[in-house]
Amino acid sequence: MKRETRGNPAPSTTALRDTARERILAAAFATLCEGGFAALSTREIAARAQMSKRELYAEFGNKQGIFAALVESRARRMREPLASASVENADAFAQTLFRAGLAFLTQLYDPAVVAVFRLAIAAATDSPEVPRTLEDRARAPNRDALRELMLQARNARLVSGEPAALTGRFLALLTGDIHIPLLLGVIEQPKQRELELCVREAVAAFLQLHAPTRRTTRRRRARRAA
């Protein structure tokens, strides 16, 4: 009696699409790094990704759509810890800040992201849509997600201040005097242990600077006792 043999299951349509999308983005990034935004042609990307221009257009529309997808893919990684953010108590909030801060810096200082920032700066005059895409698809959504966390933390009486100002202060404490020198290439990419230390110090400083005022704390205790 012959044994029934089963091969590997065929990949799903979604899996095939994700693979194709990754190939296109990888090809687009390689093209960007070699020649900048001006060299980002759909013909070149399709050739590198080994697929037709029709497939590329169906997925992204045009080269601006490809660049926007590149930016968004990295920005989403920065926001991942905020999807499970907790402001249940002070410790949970501090842990959320640490995870969010570490994800943010890990992506921000990644060589690929540094390269995209440099390309956006170089293209600012001739192709202003490039830095605008970086702002609209990455920086703004990331700030909005962090601002929502700060709003929840303020409502929970874990910090005091306006959410927008709290967001700006936390990001400033995180990046310190590293991001610009890194973009200029005058310092090396921080190692993981250095990033973790930087985030811990930023979180501690932030919580100390924006701890609830005594008046707010008294109100909170009065409400608990009522």
N, C-alpha and C. Protein backbone atom coordinates (compact mmCIF):
# COMPACT_ATOMS: atom_id res chain seq x y z
N MET A 1 0.85 -1.20 0.00
CA MET A 1 0.00 0.00 0.00
C MET A 1 0.88 1.24 0.00
N LYS A 2 0.63 2.10 -0.92
CA LYS A 2 1.45 3.31 -1.03
C LYS A 2 1.03 4.34 0.00
N ARG A 3 2.04 4.95 0.57
CA ARG A 3 1.76 6.03 1.50
C ARG A 3 1.41 7.29 0.74
N GLU A 4 0.46 7.99 1.30
CA GLU A 4 0.08 9.26 0.67
C GLU A 4 1.12 10.31 1.00
N THR A 5 1.64 10.94 0.02
CA THR A 5 2.66 11.97 0.23
C THR A 5 2.04 13.34 0.03
N ARG A 6 2.39 14.21 0.92
CA ARG A 6 1.86 15.57 0.83
C ARG A 6 3.01 16.56 0.72
N GLY A 7 2.94 17.42 -0.24
CA GLY A 7 3.95 18.46 -0.37
C GLY A 7 3.62 19.63 0.53
N ASN A 8 4.45 20.62 0.51
CA ASN A 8 4.19 21.82 1.27
C ASN A 8 2.95 22.52 0.73
N PRO A 9 2.12 23.06 1.61
CA PRO A 9 0.92 23.75 1.12
C PRO A 9 1.29 24.96 0.28
N ALA A 10 0.47 25.20 -0.73
CA ALA A 10 0.74 26.35 -1.62
C ALA A 10 0.60 27.64 -0.82
N PRO A 11 1.47 28.59 -1.05
CA PRO A 11 1.38 29.87 -0.32
C PRO A 11 0.08 30.58 -0.67
N SER A 12 -0.48 31.25 0.30
CA SER A 12 -1.72 31.97 0.09
C SER A 12 -1.50 33.19 -0.79
N THR A 13 -2.60 33.71 -1.32
CA THR A 13 -2.52 34.91 -2.15
C THR A 13 -1.94 36.07 -1.36
N THR A 14 -2.34 36.17 -0.09
CA THR A 14 -1.83 37.25 0.77
C THR A 14 -0.33 37.13 0.97
N ALA A 15 0.14 35.88 1.21
CA ALA A 15 1.57 35.67 1.41
C ALA A 15 2.36 36.02 0.16
N LEU A 16 1.83 35.64 -1.00
CA LEU A 16 2.51 35.95 -2.26
C LEU A 16 2.56 37.46 -2.47
N ARG A 17 1.46 38.14 -2.13
CA ARG A 17 1.43 39.58 -2.30
C ARG A 17 2.42 40.26 -1.36
N ASP A 18 2.49 39.77 -0.11
CA ASP A 18 3.44 40.35 0.85
C ASP A 18 4.87 40.17 0.37
N THR A 19 5.17 38.99 -0.19
CA THR A 19 6.52 38.73 -0.70
C THR A 19 6.85 39.67 -1.86
N ALA A 20 5.89 39.82 -2.76
CA ALA A 20 6.10 40.72 -3.90
C ALA A 20 6.30 42.16 -3.42
N ARG A 21 5.51 42.55 -2.44
CA ARG A 21 5.62 43.91 -1.90
C ARG A 21 7.00 44.13 -1.28
N GLU A 22 7.48 43.15 -0.54
CA GLU A 22 8.80 43.26 0.08
C GLU A 22 9.90 43.34 -0.97
N ARG A 23 9.76 42.58 -2.04
CA ARG A 23 10.77 42.63 -3.12
C ARG A 23 10.80 44.01 -3.76
N ILE A 24 9.62 44.58 -3.97
CA ILE A 24 9.56 45.91 -4.58
C ILE A 24 10.20 46.94 -3.66
N LEU A 25 9.86 46.89 -2.37
CA LEU A 25 10.41 47.87 -1.44
C LEU A 25 11.92 47.72 -1.30
N ALA A 26 12.40 46.48 -1.29
CA ALA A 26 13.84 46.26 -1.20
C ALA A 26 14.55 46.81 -2.45
N ALA A 27 13.95 46.57 -3.60
CA ALA A 27 14.53 47.08 -4.85
C ALA A 27 14.50 48.60 -4.87
N ALA A 28 13.40 49.19 -4.38
CA ALA A 28 13.29 50.65 -4.36
C ALA A 28 14.31 51.26 -3.44
N PHE A 29 14.53 50.64 -2.29
CA PHE A 29 15.49 51.19 -1.34
C PHE A 29 16.91 51.12 -1.92
N ALA A 30 17.25 50.01 -2.57
CA ALA A 30 18.57 49.89 -3.20
C ALA A 30 18.77 50.97 -4.25
N THR A 31 17.73 51.23 -5.02
CA THR A 31 17.81 52.27 -6.06
C THR A 31 17.96 53.65 -5.43
N LEU A 32 17.23 53.91 -4.36
CA LEU A 32 17.33 55.18 -3.66
C LEU A 32 18.74 55.43 -3.15
N CYS A 33 19.29 54.41 -2.52
CA CYS A 33 20.63 54.56 -1.93
C CYS A 33 21.69 54.82 -2.99
N GLU A 34 21.50 54.28 -4.17
CA GLU A 34 22.50 54.44 -5.22
C GLU A 34 22.40 55.77 -5.95
N GLY A 35 21.16 56.23 -6.19
CA GLY A 35 21.03 57.42 -7.02
C GLY A 35 20.13 58.51 -6.50
N GLY A 36 19.56 58.33 -5.28
CA GLY A 36 18.65 59.34 -4.74
C GLY A 36 17.27 59.23 -5.34
N PHE A 37 16.39 60.16 -4.95
CA PHE A 37 15.00 60.09 -5.38
C PHE A 37 14.87 60.28 -6.88
N ALA A 38 15.73 61.08 -7.47
CA ALA A 38 15.65 61.32 -8.91
C ALA A 38 15.87 60.04 -9.72
N ALA A 39 16.64 59.10 -9.15
CA ALA A 39 16.93 57.85 -9.86
C ALA A 39 15.88 56.78 -9.60
N LEU A 40 14.89 57.10 -8.80
CA LEU A 40 13.87 56.11 -8.43
C LEU A 40 12.85 55.97 -9.57
N SER A 41 13.18 55.17 -10.55
CA SER A 41 12.28 54.95 -11.69
C SER A 41 11.57 53.60 -11.54
N THR A 42 10.32 53.57 -11.97
CA THR A 42 9.56 52.33 -11.88
C THR A 42 10.17 51.24 -12.75
N ARG A 43 10.78 51.63 -13.86
CA ARG A 43 11.43 50.64 -14.74
C ARG A 43 12.58 49.94 -14.01
N GLU A 44 13.41 50.73 -13.33
CA GLU A 44 14.55 50.17 -12.61
C GLU A 44 14.10 49.30 -11.45
N ILE A 45 13.10 49.77 -10.73
CA ILE A 45 12.61 49.00 -9.58
C ILE A 45 12.00 47.67 -10.04
N ALA A 46 11.21 47.72 -11.10
CA ALA A 46 10.59 46.49 -11.62
C ALA A 46 11.65 45.49 -12.07
N ALA A 47 12.70 46.00 -12.71
CA ALA A 47 13.77 45.11 -13.16
C ALA A 47 14.48 44.45 -11.98
N ARG A 48 14.77 45.23 -10.96
CA ARG A 48 15.45 44.68 -9.78
C ARG A 48 14.58 43.69 -9.03
N ALA A 49 13.28 43.99 -8.97
CA ALA A 49 12.36 43.12 -8.24
C ALA A 49 11.93 41.92 -9.07
N GLN A 50 12.33 41.91 -10.34
CA GLN A 50 12.01 40.82 -11.26
C GLN A 50 10.50 40.64 -11.39
N MET A 51 9.84 41.72 -11.71
CA MET A 51 8.40 41.68 -11.96
C MET A 51 8.06 42.76 -12.96
N SER A 52 6.84 42.73 -13.44
CA SER A 52 6.45 43.68 -14.47
C SER A 52 6.09 45.03 -13.86
N LYS A 53 6.16 46.07 -14.68
CA LYS A 53 5.77 47.40 -14.23
C LYS A 53 4.27 47.42 -13.90
N ARG A 54 3.50 46.60 -14.61
CA ARG A 54 2.06 46.53 -14.34
C ARG A 54 1.81 46.08 -12.90
N GLU A 55 2.55 45.07 -12.45
CA GLU A 55 2.41 44.59 -11.07
C GLU A 55 2.80 45.68 -10.08
N LEU A 56 3.86 46.38 -10.41
CA LEU A 56 4.34 47.45 -9.53
C LEU A 56 3.29 48.56 -9.41
N TYR A 57 2.72 48.97 -10.56
CA TYR A 57 1.72 50.02 -10.55
C TYR A 57 0.47 49.58 -9.79
N ALA A 58 0.11 48.30 -9.92
CA ALA A 58 -1.07 47.80 -9.23
C ALA A 58 -0.91 47.86 -7.72
N GLU A 59 0.31 47.68 -7.26
CA GLU A 59 0.57 47.66 -5.81
C GLU A 59 0.76 49.06 -5.23
N PHE A 60 1.48 49.93 -5.95
CA PHE A 60 1.86 51.22 -5.36
C PHE A 60 1.42 52.44 -6.17
N GLY A 61 1.07 52.28 -7.41
CA GLY A 61 0.64 53.41 -8.22
C GLY A 61 1.77 54.09 -8.97
N ASN A 62 2.74 54.64 -8.26
CA ASN A 62 3.86 55.33 -8.90
C ASN A 62 5.05 55.34 -7.93
N LYS A 63 6.11 56.03 -8.33
CA LYS A 63 7.31 56.00 -7.49
C LYS A 63 7.09 56.75 -6.18
N GLN A 64 6.22 57.76 -6.19
CA GLN A 64 5.90 58.46 -4.95
C GLN A 64 5.19 57.52 -3.97
N GLY A 65 4.32 56.66 -4.52
CA GLY A 65 3.64 55.69 -3.69
C GLY A 65 4.60 54.67 -3.11
N ILE A 66 5.62 54.30 -3.87
CA ILE A 66 6.62 53.36 -3.38
C ILE A 66 7.42 53.99 -2.24
N PHE A 67 7.83 55.25 -2.42
CA PHE A 67 8.59 55.92 -1.38
C PHE A 67 7.75 56.07 -0.11
N ALA A 68 6.48 56.42 -0.29
CA ALA A 68 5.58 56.55 0.87
C ALA A 68 5.46 55.23 1.62
N ALA A 69 5.39 54.13 0.88
CA ALA A 69 5.29 52.81 1.52
C ALA A 69 6.57 52.46 2.27
N LEU A 70 7.72 52.84 1.70
CA LEU A 70 8.99 52.63 2.39
C LEU A 70 9.00 53.35 3.74
N VAL A 71 8.58 54.59 3.71
CA VAL A 71 8.58 55.40 4.93
C VAL A 71 7.58 54.84 5.94
N GLU A 72 6.40 54.48 5.48
CA GLU A 72 5.36 53.99 6.38
C GLU A 72 5.76 52.68 7.05
N SER A 73 6.45 51.81 6.31
CA SER A 73 6.83 50.52 6.87
C SER A 73 7.74 50.68 8.08
N ARG A 74 8.65 51.64 8.03
CA ARG A 74 9.54 51.89 9.16
C ARG A 74 8.81 52.62 10.28
N ALA A 75 7.93 53.54 9.93
CA ALA A 75 7.20 54.29 10.94
C ALA A 75 6.31 53.37 11.77
N ARG A 76 5.71 52.38 11.13
CA ARG A 76 4.86 51.45 11.86
C ARG A 76 5.65 50.68 12.90
N ARG A 77 6.89 50.34 12.58
CA ARG A 77 7.72 49.63 13.55
C ARG A 77 7.97 50.50 14.78
N MET A 78 8.12 51.79 14.57
CA MET A 78 8.34 52.70 15.70
C MET A 78 7.13 52.73 16.63
N ARG A 79 5.94 52.56 16.06
CA ARG A 79 4.72 52.69 16.87
C ARG A 79 4.22 51.38 17.45
N GLU A 80 4.85 50.27 17.13
CA GLU A 80 4.35 48.97 17.56
C GLU A 80 4.11 48.87 19.07
N PRO A 81 5.04 49.32 19.93
CA PRO A 81 4.79 49.20 21.37
C PRO A 81 3.59 50.00 21.85
N LEU A 82 3.20 51.02 21.12
CA LEU A 82 2.07 51.84 21.54
C LEU A 82 0.74 51.14 21.31
N ALA A 83 0.75 50.07 20.51
CA ALA A 83 -0.48 49.32 20.27
C ALA A 83 -0.93 48.60 21.53
N SER A 84 0.00 48.28 22.42
CA SER A 84 -0.33 47.60 23.68
C SER A 84 0.07 48.48 24.87
N ALA A 85 -0.06 49.79 24.70
CA ALA A 85 0.33 50.73 25.75
C ALA A 85 -0.54 50.58 26.98
N SER A 86 0.06 50.78 28.15
CA SER A 86 -0.67 50.69 29.41
C SER A 86 -0.38 51.90 30.28
N VAL A 87 -1.44 52.49 30.80
CA VAL A 87 -1.31 53.58 31.77
C VAL A 87 -2.07 53.19 33.04
N GLU A 88 -2.08 51.89 33.32
CA GLU A 88 -2.79 51.38 34.48
C GLU A 88 -2.24 51.95 35.78
N ASN A 89 -0.92 52.10 35.83
CA ASN A 89 -0.28 52.69 37.00
C ASN A 89 1.05 53.29 36.55
N ALA A 90 1.79 53.88 37.48
CA ALA A 90 3.04 54.57 37.14
C ALA A 90 4.07 53.61 36.57
N ASP A 91 4.17 52.42 37.14
CA ASP A 91 5.16 51.45 36.65
C ASP A 91 4.84 51.00 35.23
N ALA A 92 3.56 50.74 34.98
CA ALA A 92 3.15 50.30 33.64
C ALA A 92 3.42 51.40 32.61
N PHE A 93 3.15 52.63 32.99
CA PHE A 93 3.39 53.76 32.09
C PHE A 93 4.88 53.91 31.81
N ALA A 94 5.72 53.78 32.82
CA ALA A 94 7.17 53.88 32.63
C ALA A 94 7.67 52.78 31.70
N GLN A 95 7.14 51.57 31.87
CA GLN A 95 7.55 50.46 30.99
C GLN A 95 7.10 50.70 29.56
N THR A 96 5.90 51.27 29.40
CA THR A 96 5.42 51.60 28.06
C THR A 96 6.32 52.64 27.41
N LEU A 97 6.69 53.66 28.17
CA LEU A 97 7.58 54.69 27.64
C LEU A 97 8.92 54.10 27.22
N PHE A 98 9.43 53.17 28.03
CA PHE A 98 10.72 52.56 27.69
C PHE A 98 10.62 51.76 26.40
N ARG A 99 9.59 50.92 26.29
CA ARG A 99 9.44 50.11 25.07
C ARG A 99 9.24 50.98 23.84
N ALA A 100 8.40 52.02 23.99
CA ALA A 100 8.14 52.92 22.87
C ALA A 100 9.40 53.69 22.49
N GLY A 101 10.12 54.17 23.50
CA GLY A 101 11.34 54.92 23.24
C GLY A 101 12.41 54.08 22.58
N LEU A 102 12.55 52.84 23.03
CA LEU A 102 13.56 51.96 22.45
C LEU A 102 13.22 51.61 21.01
N ALA A 103 11.96 51.34 20.73
CA ALA A 103 11.55 51.04 19.35
C ALA A 103 11.78 52.25 18.46
N PHE A 104 11.48 53.43 18.98
CA PHE A 104 11.65 54.67 18.21
C PHE A 104 13.12 54.89 17.85
N LEU A 105 14.00 54.81 18.85
CA LEU A 105 15.41 55.06 18.58
C LEU A 105 16.05 53.96 17.75
N THR A 106 15.64 52.72 17.97
CA THR A 106 16.20 51.61 17.19
C THR A 106 15.94 51.82 15.70
N GLN A 107 14.73 52.26 15.36
CA GLN A 107 14.41 52.51 13.96
C GLN A 107 15.03 53.81 13.47
N LEU A 108 14.96 54.86 14.29
CA LEU A 108 15.47 56.17 13.87
C LEU A 108 16.96 56.11 13.54
N TYR A 109 17.71 55.33 14.30
CA TYR A 109 19.15 55.27 14.10
C TYR A 109 19.58 54.10 13.23
N ASP A 110 18.63 53.35 12.71
CA ASP A 110 18.96 52.27 11.78
C ASP A 110 19.57 52.88 10.52
N PRO A 111 20.63 52.27 9.98
CA PRO A 111 21.28 52.85 8.78
C PRO A 111 20.32 53.10 7.63
N ALA A 112 19.31 52.24 7.46
CA ALA A 112 18.36 52.43 6.37
C ALA A 112 17.54 53.70 6.57
N VAL A 113 17.11 53.94 7.80
CA VAL A 113 16.31 55.14 8.08
C VAL A 113 17.18 56.39 8.01
N VAL A 114 18.40 56.30 8.50
CA VAL A 114 19.33 57.42 8.39
C VAL A 114 19.53 57.78 6.92
N ALA A 115 19.64 56.77 6.07
CA ALA A 115 19.82 57.01 4.63
C ALA A 115 18.60 57.72 4.04
N VAL A 116 17.40 57.32 4.47
CA VAL A 116 16.19 57.97 3.97
C VAL A 116 16.13 59.43 4.40
N PHE A 117 16.50 59.73 5.63
CA PHE A 117 16.54 61.12 6.09
C PHE A 117 17.52 61.94 5.27
N ARG A 118 18.68 61.37 5.01
CA ARG A 118 19.67 62.09 4.21
C ARG A 118 19.16 62.35 2.80
N LEU A 119 18.48 61.35 2.22
CA LEU A 119 17.92 61.52 0.88
C LEU A 119 16.84 62.60 0.88
N ALA A 120 16.02 62.62 1.92
CA ALA A 120 14.96 63.63 2.00
C ALA A 120 15.53 65.03 2.11
N ILE A 121 16.59 65.18 2.88
CA ILE A 121 17.24 66.48 3.03
C ILE A 121 17.85 66.92 1.70
N ALA A 122 18.52 65.98 1.02
CA ALA A 122 19.16 66.30 -0.26
C ALA A 122 18.13 66.66 -1.33
N ALA A 123 16.93 66.07 -1.24
CA ALA A 123 15.91 66.29 -2.27
C ALA A 123 14.98 67.46 -1.95
N ALA A 124 15.18 68.11 -0.81
CA ALA A 124 14.24 69.11 -0.33
C ALA A 124 14.01 70.24 -1.33
N THR A 125 15.04 70.66 -2.05
CA THR A 125 14.91 71.78 -2.98
C THR A 125 14.25 71.38 -4.28
N ASP A 126 14.76 70.32 -4.90
CA ASP A 126 14.26 69.91 -6.22
C ASP A 126 13.02 69.02 -6.14
N SER A 127 12.87 68.29 -5.06
CA SER A 127 11.73 67.37 -4.91
C SER A 127 11.13 67.54 -3.51
N PRO A 128 10.44 68.65 -3.26
CA PRO A 128 9.91 68.92 -1.91
C PRO A 128 8.90 67.89 -1.43
N GLU A 129 8.35 67.09 -2.38
CA GLU A 129 7.39 66.07 -1.97
C GLU A 129 8.05 64.97 -1.15
N VAL A 130 9.38 64.83 -1.27
CA VAL A 130 10.08 63.78 -0.53
C VAL A 130 10.09 64.07 0.98
N PRO A 131 10.60 65.23 1.43
CA PRO A 131 10.53 65.51 2.87
C PRO A 131 9.10 65.63 3.37
N ARG A 132 8.17 66.09 2.52
CA ARG A 132 6.78 66.18 2.93
C ARG A 132 6.21 64.79 3.20
N THR A 133 6.59 63.82 2.39
CA THR A 133 6.15 62.44 2.61
C THR A 133 6.70 61.91 3.93
N LEU A 134 7.94 62.22 4.21
CA LEU A 134 8.56 61.80 5.47
C LEU A 134 7.81 62.39 6.66
N GLU A 135 7.39 63.64 6.53
CA GLU A 135 6.65 64.30 7.60
C GLU A 135 5.25 63.71 7.74
N ASP A 136 4.54 63.58 6.62
CA ASP A 136 3.15 63.16 6.66
C ASP A 136 2.95 61.69 6.98
N ARG A 137 3.87 60.84 6.49
CA ARG A 137 3.68 59.39 6.63
C ARG A 137 4.44 58.79 7.80
N ALA A 138 5.36 59.54 8.41
CA ALA A 138 6.15 58.98 9.50
C ALA A 138 6.13 59.86 10.74
N ARG A 139 6.69 61.04 10.62
CA ARG A 139 6.83 61.89 11.81
C ARG A 139 5.48 62.27 12.42
N ALA A 140 4.54 62.71 11.60
CA ALA A 140 3.24 63.13 12.12
C ALA A 140 2.46 61.97 12.75
N PRO A 141 2.33 60.82 12.07
CA PRO A 141 1.63 59.69 12.71
C PRO A 141 2.30 59.23 13.99
N ASN A 142 3.62 59.24 14.03
CA ASN A 142 4.32 58.82 15.24
C ASN A 142 4.05 59.80 16.39
N ARG A 143 4.08 61.08 16.09
CA ARG A 143 3.79 62.08 17.12
C ARG A 143 2.34 61.95 17.61
N ASP A 144 1.42 61.72 16.66
CA ASP A 144 0.01 61.58 17.04
C ASP A 144 -0.20 60.40 17.97
N ALA A 145 0.45 59.27 17.67
CA ALA A 145 0.30 58.08 18.51
C ALA A 145 0.88 58.32 19.90
N LEU A 146 2.02 58.99 19.97
CA LEU A 146 2.62 59.28 21.26
C LEU A 146 1.81 60.32 22.03
N ARG A 147 1.25 61.27 21.31
CA ARG A 147 0.41 62.28 21.96
C ARG A 147 -0.84 61.64 22.58
N GLU A 148 -1.39 60.64 21.92
CA GLU A 148 -2.53 59.92 22.48
C GLU A 148 -2.15 59.21 23.77
N LEU A 149 -0.95 58.63 23.80
CA LEU A 149 -0.47 58.00 25.03
C LEU A 149 -0.34 59.03 26.15
N MET A 150 0.20 60.19 25.82
CA MET A 150 0.37 61.23 26.83
C MET A 150 -0.98 61.73 27.34
N LEU A 151 -1.96 61.79 26.47
CA LEU A 151 -3.30 62.20 26.88
C LEU A 151 -3.87 61.19 27.88
N GLN A 152 -3.72 59.91 27.58
CA GLN A 152 -4.21 58.88 28.49
C GLN A 152 -3.49 58.95 29.83
N ALA A 153 -2.17 59.17 29.78
CA ALA A 153 -1.39 59.24 31.02
C ALA A 153 -1.79 60.46 31.84
N ARG A 154 -2.05 61.58 31.18
CA ARG A 154 -2.48 62.78 31.91
C ARG A 154 -3.85 62.56 32.55
N ASN A 155 -4.76 61.92 31.79
CA ASN A 155 -6.09 61.65 32.33
C ASN A 155 -6.04 60.69 33.51
N ALA A 156 -5.02 59.83 33.50
CA ALA A 156 -4.83 58.89 34.61
C ALA A 156 -4.05 59.53 35.75
N ARG A 157 -3.71 60.81 35.63
CA ARG A 157 -2.96 61.56 36.65
C ARG A 157 -1.56 61.01 36.86
N LEU A 158 -0.97 60.51 35.80
CA LEU A 158 0.40 60.00 35.89
C LEU A 158 1.43 61.05 35.50
N VAL A 159 1.01 62.04 34.72
CA VAL A 159 1.86 63.17 34.34
C VAL A 159 1.00 64.41 34.32
N SER A 160 1.65 65.56 34.32
CA SER A 160 0.93 66.82 34.20
C SER A 160 1.49 67.60 33.02
N GLY A 161 0.60 68.30 32.32
CA GLY A 161 1.02 69.08 31.17
C GLY A 161 0.14 68.80 29.96
N GLU A 162 0.34 69.57 28.90
CA GLU A 162 -0.41 69.39 27.67
C GLU A 162 0.20 68.23 26.86
N PRO A 163 -0.63 67.34 26.31
CA PRO A 163 -0.12 66.17 25.59
C PRO A 163 0.88 66.51 24.48
N ALA A 164 0.62 67.58 23.72
CA ALA A 164 1.53 67.94 22.63
C ALA A 164 2.89 68.35 23.18
N ALA A 165 2.89 69.13 24.26
CA ALA A 165 4.15 69.56 24.87
C ALA A 165 4.88 68.37 25.50
N LEU A 166 4.12 67.47 26.11
CA LEU A 166 4.72 66.28 26.70
C LEU A 166 5.38 65.42 25.63
N THR A 167 4.71 65.30 24.49
CA THR A 167 5.26 64.53 23.38
C THR A 167 6.57 65.12 22.88
N GLY A 168 6.59 66.43 22.68
CA GLY A 168 7.80 67.09 22.21
C GLY A 168 8.94 66.95 23.20
N ARG A 169 8.64 67.06 24.48
CA ARG A 169 9.69 66.95 25.49
C ARG A 169 10.28 65.54 25.53
N PHE A 170 9.41 64.54 25.46
CA PHE A 170 9.90 63.16 25.51
C PHE A 170 10.78 62.84 24.30
N LEU A 171 10.35 63.26 23.11
CA LEU A 171 11.15 63.00 21.91
C LEU A 171 12.48 63.74 21.98
N ALA A 172 12.47 64.96 22.51
CA ALA A 172 13.71 65.72 22.64
C ALA A 172 14.68 65.04 23.60
N LEU A 173 14.14 64.53 24.71
CA LEU A 173 14.99 63.82 25.67
C LEU A 173 15.56 62.53 25.06
N LEU A 174 14.77 61.89 24.23
CA LEU A 174 15.23 60.64 23.60
C LEU A 174 16.39 60.88 22.64
N THR A 175 16.22 61.82 21.74
CA THR A 175 17.22 62.03 20.69
C THR A 175 18.41 62.84 21.16
N GLY A 176 18.19 63.76 22.12
CA GLY A 176 19.30 64.52 22.66
C GLY A 176 20.14 65.17 21.56
N ASP A 177 21.44 64.95 21.64
CA ASP A 177 22.38 65.55 20.69
C ASP A 177 23.01 64.46 19.81
N ILE A 178 22.19 63.48 19.43
CA ILE A 178 22.71 62.35 18.66
C ILE A 178 22.24 62.35 17.21
N HIS A 179 20.95 62.67 16.98
CA HIS A 179 20.39 62.47 15.65
C HIS A 179 21.10 63.29 14.58
N ILE A 180 21.30 64.58 14.82
CA ILE A 180 21.94 65.42 13.80
C ILE A 180 23.37 64.96 13.52
N PRO A 181 24.21 64.74 14.54
CA PRO A 181 25.57 64.23 14.25
C PRO A 181 25.56 62.90 13.49
N LEU A 182 24.56 62.07 13.78
CA LEU A 182 24.46 60.80 13.06
C LEU A 182 24.13 61.04 11.60
N LEU A 183 23.21 61.96 11.32
CA LEU A 183 22.88 62.29 9.93
C LEU A 183 24.09 62.87 9.20
N LEU A 184 24.90 63.63 9.93
CA LEU A 184 26.09 64.24 9.33
C LEU A 184 27.23 63.23 9.16
N GLY A 185 27.09 62.09 9.80
CA GLY A 185 28.12 61.07 9.68
C GLY A 185 29.35 61.31 10.53
N VAL A 186 29.21 62.14 11.56
CA VAL A 186 30.37 62.46 12.40
C VAL A 186 30.44 61.55 13.63
N ILE A 187 29.39 60.75 13.86
CA ILE A 187 29.43 59.75 14.93
C ILE A 187 28.93 58.43 14.37
N GLU A 188 29.27 57.35 15.06
CA GLU A 188 28.84 56.03 14.63
C GLU A 188 27.46 55.71 15.19
N GLN A 189 26.80 54.74 14.58
CA GLN A 189 25.50 54.31 15.05
C GLN A 189 25.62 53.76 16.47
N PRO A 190 24.79 54.24 17.41
CA PRO A 190 24.85 53.76 18.79
C PRO A 190 24.57 52.26 18.87
N LYS A 191 25.24 51.59 19.77
CA LYS A 191 25.00 50.17 19.97
C LYS A 191 23.75 49.98 20.82
N GLN A 192 23.24 48.74 20.85
CA GLN A 192 21.99 48.47 21.54
C GLN A 192 22.05 48.84 23.02
N ARG A 193 23.13 48.52 23.69
CA ARG A 193 23.25 48.84 25.11
C ARG A 193 23.24 50.36 25.34
N GLU A 194 23.85 51.08 24.40
CA GLU A 194 23.85 52.54 24.50
C GLU A 194 22.44 53.09 24.31
N LEU A 195 21.70 52.49 23.39
CA LEU A 195 20.32 52.93 23.17
C LEU A 195 19.46 52.69 24.41
N GLU A 196 19.61 51.51 25.00
CA GLU A 196 18.82 51.18 26.18
C GLU A 196 19.12 52.14 27.33
N LEU A 197 20.40 52.47 27.52
CA LEU A 197 20.77 53.41 28.57
C LEU A 197 20.19 54.79 28.28
N CYS A 198 20.27 55.21 27.03
CA CYS A 198 19.74 56.51 26.63
C CYS A 198 18.24 56.59 26.91
N VAL A 199 17.51 55.52 26.58
CA VAL A 199 16.06 55.51 26.78
C VAL A 199 15.73 55.53 28.27
N ARG A 200 16.44 54.73 29.06
CA ARG A 200 16.19 54.73 30.51
C ARG A 200 16.38 56.11 31.11
N GLU A 201 17.45 56.78 30.72
CA GLU A 201 17.72 58.12 31.24
C GLU A 201 16.65 59.11 30.78
N ALA A 202 16.20 58.97 29.53
CA ALA A 202 15.17 59.86 29.01
C ALA A 202 13.85 59.67 29.74
N VAL A 203 13.48 58.41 29.98
CA VAL A 203 12.23 58.12 30.68
C VAL A 203 12.29 58.67 32.10
N ALA A 204 13.40 58.43 32.80
CA ALA A 204 13.55 58.90 34.18
C ALA A 204 13.46 60.42 34.24
N ALA A 205 14.15 61.10 33.33
CA ALA A 205 14.14 62.56 33.31
C ALA A 205 12.75 63.09 32.99
N PHE A 206 12.09 62.45 32.04
CA PHE A 206 10.74 62.88 31.65
C PHE A 206 9.76 62.76 32.81
N LEU A 207 9.78 61.61 33.47
CA LEU A 207 8.85 61.40 34.58
C LEU A 207 9.13 62.34 35.74
N GLN A 208 10.39 62.68 35.94
CA GLN A 208 10.73 63.61 37.01
C GLN A 208 10.27 65.02 36.66
N LEU A 209 10.44 65.40 35.41
CA LEU A 209 10.07 66.75 34.98
C LEU A 209 8.56 66.95 34.97
N HIS A 210 7.83 65.90 34.65
CA HIS A 210 6.38 66.04 34.44
C HIS A 210 5.57 65.22 35.42
N ALA A 211 6.11 64.99 36.59
CA ALA A 211 5.35 64.30 37.64
C ALA A 211 4.13 65.14 38.00
N PRO A 212 3.02 64.51 38.38
CA PRO A 212 1.82 65.26 38.76
C PRO A 212 2.13 66.25 39.88
N THR A 213 1.54 67.41 39.80
CA THR A 213 1.74 68.41 40.85
C THR A 213 1.10 67.95 42.15
N ARG A 214 1.51 68.55 43.27
CA ARG A 214 0.95 68.16 44.56
C ARG A 214 -0.56 68.39 44.60
N ARG A 215 -0.99 69.45 43.95
CA ARG A 215 -2.42 69.76 43.94
C ARG A 215 -3.20 68.66 43.23
N THR A 216 -2.64 68.20 42.09
CA THR A 216 -3.29 67.12 41.34
C THR A 216 -3.31 65.85 42.16
N THR A 217 -2.20 65.58 42.86
CA THR A 217 -2.12 64.37 43.67
C THR A 217 -3.13 64.41 44.79
N ARG A 218 -3.31 65.58 45.43
CA ARG A 218 -4.29 65.70 46.50
C ARG A 218 -5.70 65.45 45.98
N ARG A 219 -6.00 65.99 44.81
CA ARG A 219 -7.31 65.78 44.21
C ARG A 219 -7.56 64.29 43.96
N ARG A 220 -6.53 63.63 43.46
CA ARG A 220 -6.66 62.21 43.15
C ARG A 220 -6.94 61.41 44.42
N ARG A 221 -6.23 61.73 45.49
CA ARG A 221 -6.44 61.02 46.74
C ARG A 221 -7.82 61.30 47.30
N ALA A 222 -8.30 62.54 47.16
CA ALA A 222 -9.63 62.89 47.65
C ALA A 222 -10.71 62.11 46.91
N ARG A 223 -10.52 61.94 45.59
CA ARG A 223 -11.50 61.20 44.80
C ARG A 223 -11.53 59.74 45.21
N ARG A 224 -10.36 59.18 45.50
CA ARG A 224 -10.31 57.78 45.94
C ARG A 224 -11.00 57.60 47.28
N ALA A 225 -10.86 58.61 48.16
CA ALA A 225 -11.43 58.48 49.49
C ALA A 225 -12.94 58.72 49.51
N ALA A 226 -13.44 59.42 48.48
CA ALA A 226 -14.88 59.77 48.45
C ALA A 226 -15.76 58.53 48.26
